[in-house]
Protein backbone atom coordinates (compact mmCIF):
# COMPACT_ATOMS: atom_id res chain seq x y z
CA UNK A 1 -52.82 83.05 52.01
CA UNK A 2 -51.39 86.60 52.01
CA UNK A 3 -49.75 88.08 55.10
CA UNK A 4 -52.66 90.49 55.40
CA UNK A 5 -55.14 87.62 55.34
CA UNK A 6 -52.98 85.70 57.80
CA UNK A 7 -52.87 88.65 60.17
CA UNK A 8 -56.62 89.08 59.98
CA UNK A 9 -57.15 85.36 60.61
CA UNK A 10 -54.92 85.31 63.68
CA UNK A 11 -56.54 88.51 64.93
CA UNK A 12 -59.92 86.82 64.45
CA UNK A 13 -58.79 83.84 66.52
CA UNK A 14 -57.56 86.16 69.25
CA UNK A 15 -60.79 88.17 69.17
CA UNK A 16 -62.73 84.95 69.68
CA UNK A 17 -60.53 84.09 72.64
CA UNK A 18 -61.02 87.51 74.21
CA UNK A 19 -64.77 87.26 73.73
CA UNK A 20 -64.68 83.80 75.30
CA UNK A 21 -62.89 85.11 78.38
CA UNK A 22 -65.25 88.10 78.58
CA UNK A 23 -68.33 85.87 78.49
CA UNK A 24 -67.42 83.06 80.88
CA UNK A 25 -64.68 84.48 83.07
CA UNK A 26 -65.68 88.04 83.87
CA UNK A 27 -66.53 87.29 87.50
CA UNK A 28 -63.26 85.52 88.20
CA UNK A 29 -61.25 88.13 86.29
CA UNK A 30 -62.58 91.06 88.23
CA UNK A 31 -62.37 89.13 91.47
CA UNK A 32 -58.62 89.11 90.83
CA UNK A 33 -58.26 92.76 89.79
CA UNK A 34 -58.85 95.67 92.15
CA UNK A 35 -57.93 98.43 89.71
CA UNK A 36 -57.16 98.84 86.01
CA UNK A 37 -55.19 101.82 84.73
CA UNK A 38 -54.20 102.71 81.16
CA UNK A 39 -50.86 104.47 80.97
CA UNK A 40 -49.72 106.18 77.76
CA UNK A 41 -46.04 107.01 77.52
CA UNK A 42 -43.52 108.25 74.97
CA UNK A 43 -41.05 105.87 73.35
CA UNK A 44 -38.77 105.91 70.31
CA UNK A 45 -39.10 104.06 67.02
CA UNK A 46 -35.63 103.31 65.69
CA UNK A 47 -34.36 101.27 62.80
CA UNK A 48 -32.61 98.11 63.97
CA UNK A 49 -29.23 99.51 62.89
CA UNK A 50 -29.91 102.70 64.83
CA UNK A 51 -30.78 100.71 67.93
CA UNK A 52 -27.66 98.56 67.63
CA UNK A 53 -25.36 101.55 67.16
CA UNK A 54 -26.79 103.30 70.20
CA UNK A 55 -28.75 106.10 68.60
CA UNK A 56 -30.88 107.72 71.27
CA UNK A 57 -33.41 109.71 69.33
CA UNK A 58 -35.75 108.18 66.78
CA UNK A 59 -39.30 108.92 65.84
CA UNK A 60 -41.15 109.78 69.02
CA UNK A 61 -44.29 107.69 69.49
CA UNK A 62 -46.93 107.48 72.19
CA UNK A 63 -47.89 103.93 73.06
CA UNK A 64 -49.77 102.60 76.07
CA UNK A 65 -50.09 99.73 78.49
CA UNK A 66 -52.85 98.47 80.75
CA UNK A 67 -51.85 98.05 84.38
CA UNK A 68 -53.95 95.52 86.30
CA UNK A 69 -53.51 95.73 90.08
CA UNK A 70 -54.84 92.57 91.76
CA UNK A 71 -55.77 93.88 95.20
CA UNK A 72 -56.61 97.14 96.99
CA UNK A 73 -54.34 98.75 99.52
CA UNK A 74 -51.20 100.83 99.70
CA UNK A 75 -48.60 98.09 99.55
CA UNK A 76 -46.20 97.80 96.63
CA UNK A 77 -46.74 94.65 94.59
CA UNK A 78 -44.51 92.79 92.14
CA UNK A 79 -45.34 93.33 88.47
CA UNK A 80 -44.79 91.60 85.14
CA UNK A 81 -44.65 93.48 81.84
CA UNK A 82 -46.30 91.36 79.12
CA UNK A 83 -44.95 91.81 75.56
CA UNK A 84 -47.24 90.56 72.80
CA UNK A 85 -46.38 88.73 69.60
CA UNK A 86 -46.59 89.79 65.98
CA UNK A 87 -50.42 89.70 65.94
CA UNK A 88 -50.75 92.11 68.86
CA UNK A 89 -52.38 91.54 72.24
CA UNK A 90 -54.44 88.36 72.14
CA UNK A 91 -56.25 85.92 74.36
CA UNK A 92 -53.08 84.22 75.58
CA UNK A 93 -51.78 87.45 77.15
CA UNK A 94 -55.16 88.06 78.75
CA UNK A 95 -55.06 84.60 80.27
CA UNK A 96 -51.47 85.00 81.50
CA UNK A 97 -52.46 88.33 83.03
CA UNK A 98 -55.38 86.73 84.85
CA UNK A 99 -53.16 83.94 86.11
CA UNK A 100 -50.45 86.27 87.38
CA UNK A 101 -53.06 88.50 89.02
CA UNK A 102 -54.40 85.44 90.86
CA UNK A 103 -50.92 85.07 92.39
CA UNK A 104 -51.00 88.65 93.67
CA UNK A 105 -48.82 90.00 90.86
CA UNK A 106 -49.74 93.13 88.91
CA UNK A 107 -49.49 92.95 85.12
CA UNK A 108 -48.78 95.58 82.50
CA UNK A 109 -50.09 94.58 79.05
CA UNK A 110 -47.86 96.67 76.81
CA UNK A 111 -49.23 97.46 73.35
CA UNK A 112 -46.31 98.31 71.04
CA UNK A 113 -48.42 98.40 67.87
CA UNK A 114 -51.65 100.41 68.16
CA UNK A 115 -49.98 103.72 69.00
CA UNK A 116 -47.69 103.23 66.02
CA UNK A 117 -50.61 102.65 63.68
CA UNK A 118 -49.81 98.96 63.16
CA UNK A 119 -53.17 97.31 62.60
CA UNK A 120 -52.33 93.74 61.63
CA UNK A 121 -49.59 91.17 61.24
CA UNK A 122 -48.78 92.25 57.68
CA UNK A 123 -47.76 95.69 58.98
CA UNK A 124 -45.78 94.42 61.96
CA UNK A 125 -42.55 94.26 59.95
CA UNK A 126 -42.45 98.05 60.18
CA UNK A 127 -40.87 97.70 63.61
CA UNK A 128 -37.93 95.44 64.33
CA UNK A 129 -38.51 93.14 67.32
CA UNK A 130 -35.20 94.14 68.88
CA UNK A 131 -36.31 97.79 68.87
CA UNK A 132 -39.17 96.90 71.22
CA UNK A 133 -36.54 96.63 73.92
CA UNK A 134 -36.79 100.43 74.09
CA UNK A 135 -40.53 100.10 74.80
CA UNK A 136 -39.72 97.59 77.55
CA UNK A 137 -37.16 99.87 79.21
CA UNK A 138 -39.54 102.85 79.12
CA UNK A 139 -42.27 100.71 80.68
CA UNK A 140 -39.82 99.65 83.39
CA UNK A 141 -39.10 103.29 84.17
CA UNK A 142 -42.81 104.10 84.30
CA UNK A 143 -43.75 101.22 86.59
CA UNK A 144 -40.81 101.78 88.93
CA UNK A 145 -42.35 105.16 89.84
CA UNK A 146 -45.86 103.80 90.43
CA UNK A 147 -46.93 103.90 94.10
CA UNK A 148 -48.42 100.38 93.94
CA UNK A 149 -45.45 98.70 92.22
CA UNK A 150 -42.34 97.40 93.95
CA UNK A 151 -39.55 98.83 91.76
CA UNK A 152 -37.21 95.96 92.65
CA UNK A 153 -39.72 93.28 91.59
CA UNK A 154 -40.58 94.08 87.97
CA UNK A 155 -40.13 91.23 85.50
CA UNK A 156 -40.62 91.05 81.75
CA UNK A 157 -42.43 88.25 79.93
CA UNK A 158 -42.57 88.15 76.13
CA UNK A 159 -43.94 85.96 73.39
CA UNK A 160 -42.44 85.42 69.91
CA UNK A 161 -41.89 88.95 68.49
CA UNK A 162 -42.21 90.30 72.04
CA UNK A 163 -39.88 87.59 73.27
CA UNK A 164 -36.97 89.44 71.68
CA UNK A 165 -37.51 92.23 74.21
CA UNK A 166 -37.96 89.76 77.05
CA UNK A 167 -34.72 87.96 76.21
CA UNK A 168 -32.36 90.59 74.87
CA UNK A 169 -33.31 93.34 77.33
CA UNK A 170 -30.99 91.31 79.56
CA UNK A 171 -27.93 92.36 77.51
CA UNK A 172 -25.81 94.77 79.50
CA UNK A 173 -24.72 96.56 76.33
CA UNK A 174 -28.33 97.30 75.34
CA UNK A 175 -29.10 98.46 78.88
CA UNK A 176 -26.16 100.86 78.79
CA UNK A 177 -27.29 102.31 75.46
CA UNK A 178 -31.06 102.43 75.96
CA UNK A 179 -31.95 101.40 79.50
CA UNK A 180 -33.11 103.45 82.49
CA UNK A 181 -30.71 106.23 83.45
CA UNK A 182 -30.55 104.95 87.02
CA UNK A 183 -29.34 101.53 85.86
CA UNK A 184 -32.47 99.73 86.98
CA UNK A 185 -32.80 96.16 85.69
CA UNK A 186 -35.64 93.72 85.26
CA UNK A 187 -35.94 91.30 88.16
CA UNK A 188 -36.39 88.39 85.75
CA UNK A 189 -36.79 87.59 82.04
CA UNK A 190 -39.48 85.09 80.98
CA UNK A 191 -39.28 84.18 77.30
CA UNK A 192 -41.77 82.21 75.20
CA UNK A 193 -40.94 80.78 71.75
CA UNK A 194 -38.77 83.59 70.45
CA UNK A 195 -35.78 83.61 68.10
CA UNK A 196 -32.29 83.03 69.54
CA UNK A 197 -30.46 82.92 66.21
CA UNK A 198 -28.98 86.46 66.42
CA UNK A 199 -25.46 86.74 67.76
CA UNK A 200 -25.20 90.33 68.95
CA UNK A 201 -21.94 91.97 69.93
CA UNK A 202 -21.33 91.28 73.63
CA UNK A 203 -24.35 88.98 73.42
CA UNK A 204 -23.07 86.68 76.16
CA UNK A 205 -22.72 89.52 78.67
CA UNK A 206 -26.19 89.48 80.18
CA UNK A 207 -27.70 90.48 83.49
CA UNK A 208 -27.23 88.23 86.50
CA UNK A 209 -31.01 88.18 86.94
CA UNK A 210 -32.71 84.85 86.12
CA UNK A 211 -33.74 84.07 82.55
CA UNK A 212 -36.28 81.34 81.76
CA UNK A 213 -36.98 80.27 78.18
CA UNK A 214 -39.97 78.14 77.15
CA UNK A 215 -40.10 76.67 73.66
CA UNK A 216 -41.93 74.05 71.64
CA UNK A 217 -39.76 71.24 70.32
CA UNK A 218 -41.69 71.17 67.03
CA UNK A 219 -41.66 74.95 66.47
CA UNK A 220 -41.01 75.45 62.75
CA UNK A 221 -41.25 79.26 62.79
CA UNK A 222 -38.54 80.04 65.35
CA UNK A 223 -36.99 76.62 66.00
CA UNK A 224 -35.66 75.73 69.41
CA UNK A 225 -32.18 74.62 68.25
CA UNK A 226 -30.73 78.14 68.29
CA UNK A 227 -32.07 78.69 71.81
CA UNK A 228 -30.39 75.48 72.95
CA UNK A 229 -27.06 76.81 71.70
CA UNK A 230 -27.54 80.27 73.21
CA UNK A 231 -28.69 78.97 76.59
CA UNK A 232 -25.71 76.60 76.72
CA UNK A 233 -23.33 79.51 76.08
CA UNK A 234 -24.93 81.60 78.82
CA UNK A 235 -24.93 78.73 81.30
CA UNK A 236 -21.27 78.02 80.54
CA UNK A 237 -20.53 81.64 81.47
CA UNK A 238 -22.25 81.15 84.83
CA UNK A 239 -25.58 82.84 84.11
CA UNK A 240 -28.87 81.79 85.70
CA UNK A 241 -30.69 80.71 82.55
CA UNK A 242 -32.84 77.63 81.90
CA UNK A 243 -34.47 76.39 78.71
CA UNK A 244 -37.62 74.26 79.01
CA UNK A 245 -38.67 72.38 75.87
CA UNK A 246 -42.05 70.85 75.20
CA UNK A 247 -41.72 67.93 72.74
CA UNK A 248 -44.15 68.08 69.85
CA UNK A 249 -45.36 71.59 70.67
CA UNK A 250 -45.55 74.21 67.93
CA UNK A 251 -45.33 78.00 67.95
CA UNK A 252 -47.99 79.71 70.11
CA UNK A 253 -48.56 76.53 72.10
CA UNK A 254 -50.22 78.58 74.87
CA UNK A 255 -52.90 80.15 72.62
CA UNK A 256 -56.22 78.36 73.26
CA UNK A 257 -57.68 80.07 70.19
CA UNK A 258 -55.45 77.82 68.05
CA UNK A 259 -56.92 74.47 69.07
CA UNK A 260 -57.23 73.78 65.35
CA UNK A 261 -53.66 74.05 63.98
CA UNK A 262 -53.10 76.82 61.45
CA UNK A 263 -50.68 76.18 58.60
CA UNK A 264 -48.97 79.21 57.10
CA UNK A 265 -47.45 78.01 53.83
CA UNK A 266 -46.14 81.44 52.78
CA UNK A 267 -44.74 82.55 56.12
CA UNK A 268 -40.96 82.71 56.45
CA UNK A 269 -39.35 80.01 58.57
CA UNK A 270 -36.04 80.93 60.15
CA UNK A 271 -35.04 77.32 60.81
CA UNK A 272 -31.78 77.56 58.85
CA UNK A 273 -30.85 81.15 59.71
CA UNK A 274 -27.97 82.16 61.94
CA UNK A 275 -27.16 85.85 62.08
CA UNK A 276 -24.40 87.92 63.64
CA UNK A 277 -23.98 91.62 64.21
CA UNK A 278 -21.41 93.22 61.93
CA UNK A 279 -20.08 96.74 61.56
CA UNK A 280 -22.46 99.68 61.98
CA UNK A 281 -25.27 97.54 63.37
CA UNK A 282 -25.77 95.49 60.21
CA UNK A 283 -26.95 91.92 60.79
CA UNK A 284 -25.08 89.41 58.63
CA UNK A 285 -25.92 85.91 57.51
CA UNK A 286 -23.28 83.94 59.44
CA UNK A 287 -22.82 81.53 56.54
CA UNK A 288 -22.57 83.93 53.61
CA UNK A 289 -21.23 86.94 55.56
CA UNK A 290 -23.66 89.08 53.57
CA UNK A 291 -26.23 91.47 55.05
CA UNK A 292 -29.41 89.64 56.00
CA UNK A 293 -32.49 90.59 53.96
CA UNK A 294 -36.14 89.45 53.88
CA UNK A 295 -35.20 87.41 50.78
CA UNK A 296 -32.13 85.80 52.32
CA UNK A 297 -31.12 82.36 51.12
CA UNK A 298 -31.43 80.92 54.64
CA UNK A 299 -35.17 81.50 54.73
CA UNK A 300 -37.67 78.71 54.09
CA UNK A 301 -41.43 78.82 53.64
CA UNK A 302 -44.11 77.25 55.76
CA UNK A 303 -44.85 77.44 59.49
CA UNK A 304 -47.42 76.13 61.94
CA UNK A 305 -49.35 77.63 64.85
CA UNK A 306 -51.07 75.25 67.26
CA UNK A 307 -52.29 75.03 70.84
CA UNK A 308 -50.86 72.28 73.02
CA UNK A 309 -52.85 71.71 76.21
CA UNK A 310 -50.16 69.62 77.91
CA UNK A 311 -47.37 72.10 77.15
CA UNK A 312 -49.56 75.00 78.23
CA UNK A 313 -50.43 73.36 81.55
CA UNK A 314 -46.80 72.54 82.26
CA UNK A 315 -45.71 76.09 81.35
CA UNK A 316 -48.36 77.57 83.66
CA UNK A 317 -47.03 75.44 86.51
CA UNK A 318 -43.40 76.29 85.75
CA UNK A 319 -44.03 80.02 85.50
CA UNK A 320 -46.10 79.97 88.69
CA UNK A 321 -43.28 78.30 90.60
CA UNK A 322 -40.63 80.58 89.10
CA UNK A 323 -42.53 83.83 89.70
CA UNK A 324 -43.48 82.78 93.25
CA UNK A 325 -39.86 81.97 94.08
CA UNK A 326 -38.40 85.06 92.36
CA UNK A 327 -40.87 87.47 93.95
CA UNK A 328 -40.95 85.54 97.26
CA UNK A 329 -44.70 85.05 97.12
CA UNK A 330 -46.05 82.70 99.78
């Protein structure tokens, strides 16, 4: 299966999921949402090396996000920015948005791909996942000015490719280089099955805001082992970070559209890769000390996507409790 075919297949699954929600859940969805607003905004597209070396100006792009406000009124509500995976916004983000809205939390479904002309998974490699941190910071700035959003209660939640932004937007170095000019931070970082195998310069110096990582124990695309190591380092430095593992769960364990597991024999697995940032923003293979490339010797082939009802239910409960406590929702 080619990457283009793979992207189309995953997009098809997600389209089915969205149609499913539209057909059977429309009443409950709109009962939870008082207003929907689409906000375009300008961001920068940088190469990964440009991002890591602090370049400020890249290719200017206009992307957009959908803000869902759960109730009418004039009060300022907490909000969560949702960062999609490599296949774009799918049914799992829609469901998470509905769930968060039911708690009284606004959601901002941020689309990093459409405005950049990225139509499928095969084209997603055109933007480095770490560069989407810029998108996240610009969305934070936008929402902090919104009259219905509490600027001190804006969290970020990301999945896989979008999980990079959710996790590494916590790095103080990245915030200094690319974050809001007023120094505003995310109130929390919620991370689903992303890669933790990159050792960035000053990578242990993260925000004091809470970080929660959720990962499948059987994930063979972005294996959990690297996240175990990273979380241990952060905890040893006194940071509020917790990793929750779900034994036997694969990548995308929260995507109901993947109830039939999908095997991707040609997709790159990063199970053996460990990278570190070298001079001039170049990521190096930690073992060979050579620049990492898409044909690096650490890469394997073959990954799996699969829904796991038990893991999904437990993650819903954990996120509900965490968000309620963090935002002081009664």
